[in-house]
Amino acid sequence: MNIIRKIYTKGLLAVLDFGAESVVVLIAEKKECGTFRIVGAGDSAAQGAKGGEVSHPGDATESIVEALKKAERSSGAKIKKLYYN
């Protein structure tokens, strides 16, 4: 986590996790002390992937967009960059 504190200097950070069963997007705000506070979250059912690989890109995209929209609504922020694992 310390490396993220050092290299990430912007105010908001949005991250995506595309798992076997769900897609989750978290939006965090960087505080002055260098830590992060979660300000929004969204999730959706994971579709379009099987065995860790994308099998239907359109379905996978829809899952990501749904989770992202939920996270943006809950945080009140519009995300321009999304980091993923």
Protein backbone atom coordinates (compact mmCIF):
# COMPACT_ATOMS: atom_id res chain seq x y z
CA MET A 1 0.00 0.00 0.00
CA ASN A 2 2.87 2.41 0.69
CA ILE A 3 3.95 2.36 -2.94
CA ILE A 4 0.44 3.46 -4.00
CA ARG A 5 0.61 6.36 -1.55
CA LYS A 6 3.88 7.49 -3.11
CA ILE A 7 3.06 7.09 -6.81
CA TYR A 8 -0.60 8.12 -6.87
CA THR A 9 -0.93 11.87 -6.47
CA LYS A 10 -4.40 12.65 -7.84
CA GLY A 11 -7.53 13.19 -5.74
CA LEU A 12 -9.66 10.20 -6.78
CA LEU A 13 -8.70 6.62 -7.56
CA ALA A 14 -11.09 4.13 -9.20
CA VAL A 15 -10.30 0.42 -9.28
CA LEU A 16 -12.01 -2.57 -10.88
CA ASP A 17 -11.99 -6.22 -9.91
CA PHE A 18 -13.53 -8.65 -12.42
CA GLY A 19 -14.05 -11.82 -10.43
CA ALA A 20 -15.61 -15.18 -11.24
CA GLU A 21 -19.00 -14.21 -9.83
CA SER A 22 -19.06 -10.42 -9.61
CA VAL A 23 -17.54 -7.22 -10.91
CA VAL A 24 -16.70 -4.60 -8.30
CA VAL A 25 -15.66 -0.96 -8.75
CA LEU A 26 -14.38 1.07 -5.80
CA ILE A 27 -13.78 4.82 -5.86
CA ALA A 28 -11.45 6.23 -3.22
CA GLU A 29 -10.38 9.73 -2.31
CA LYS A 30 -6.76 10.37 -1.38
CA LYS A 31 -6.46 12.20 1.92
CA GLU A 32 -3.72 14.70 2.77
CA CYS A 33 -1.95 12.18 4.99
CA GLY A 34 -1.60 9.80 2.01
CA THR A 35 -4.25 7.27 2.98
CA PHE A 36 -7.42 6.57 1.00
CA ARG A 37 -11.09 6.77 1.98
CA ILE A 38 -13.70 4.80 0.01
CA VAL A 39 -16.31 7.24 -1.30
CA GLY A 40 -18.23 5.00 -3.70
CA ALA A 41 -18.76 1.40 -4.70
CA GLY A 42 -20.68 -0.53 -7.31
CA ASP A 43 -21.07 -4.15 -8.29
CA SER A 44 -22.74 -6.35 -10.89
CA ALA A 45 -22.91 -10.01 -11.82
CA ALA A 46 -19.84 -11.15 -13.77
CA GLN A 47 -20.90 -12.03 -17.30
CA GLY A 48 -18.92 -12.74 -20.43
CA ALA A 49 -15.96 -14.50 -18.84
CA LYS A 50 -15.24 -18.16 -18.26
CA GLY A 51 -12.23 -19.73 -16.62
CA GLY A 52 -10.52 -16.36 -16.15
CA GLU A 53 -10.74 -15.39 -19.82
CA VAL A 54 -13.17 -13.13 -21.64
CA SER A 55 -15.45 -15.27 -23.80
CA HIS A 56 -18.07 -12.66 -24.72
CA PRO A 57 -16.58 -9.14 -24.79
CA GLY A 58 -19.96 -7.42 -25.09
CA ASP A 59 -21.35 -9.12 -21.98
CA ALA A 60 -18.14 -8.43 -20.04
CA THR A 61 -18.31 -4.76 -21.04
CA GLU A 62 -21.92 -4.50 -19.88
CA SER A 63 -20.97 -5.95 -16.48
CA ILE A 64 -18.17 -3.42 -16.09
CA VAL A 65 -20.30 -0.47 -17.18
CA GLU A 66 -23.09 -1.42 -14.75
CA ALA A 67 -20.66 -1.63 -11.80
CA LEU A 68 -18.97 1.64 -12.82
CA LYS A 69 -22.27 3.52 -13.09
CA LYS A 70 -23.32 2.31 -9.65
CA ALA A 71 -19.99 3.43 -8.17
CA GLU A 72 -20.24 6.83 -9.85
CA ARG A 73 -23.79 7.30 -8.54
CA SER A 74 -22.85 6.35 -4.99
CA SER A 75 -19.80 8.65 -4.97
CA GLY A 76 -21.19 11.56 -6.98
CA ALA A 77 -18.02 11.51 -9.11
CA LYS A 78 -17.45 11.03 -12.83
CA ILE A 79 -14.58 8.61 -13.44
CA LYS A 80 -12.13 9.26 -16.28
CA LYS A 81 -9.55 6.54 -15.46
CA LEU A 82 -10.18 3.08 -14.11
CA TYR A 83 -7.41 0.81 -12.86
CA TYR A 84 -7.90 -2.97 -12.98
CA ASN A 85 -6.12 -6.13 -11.91
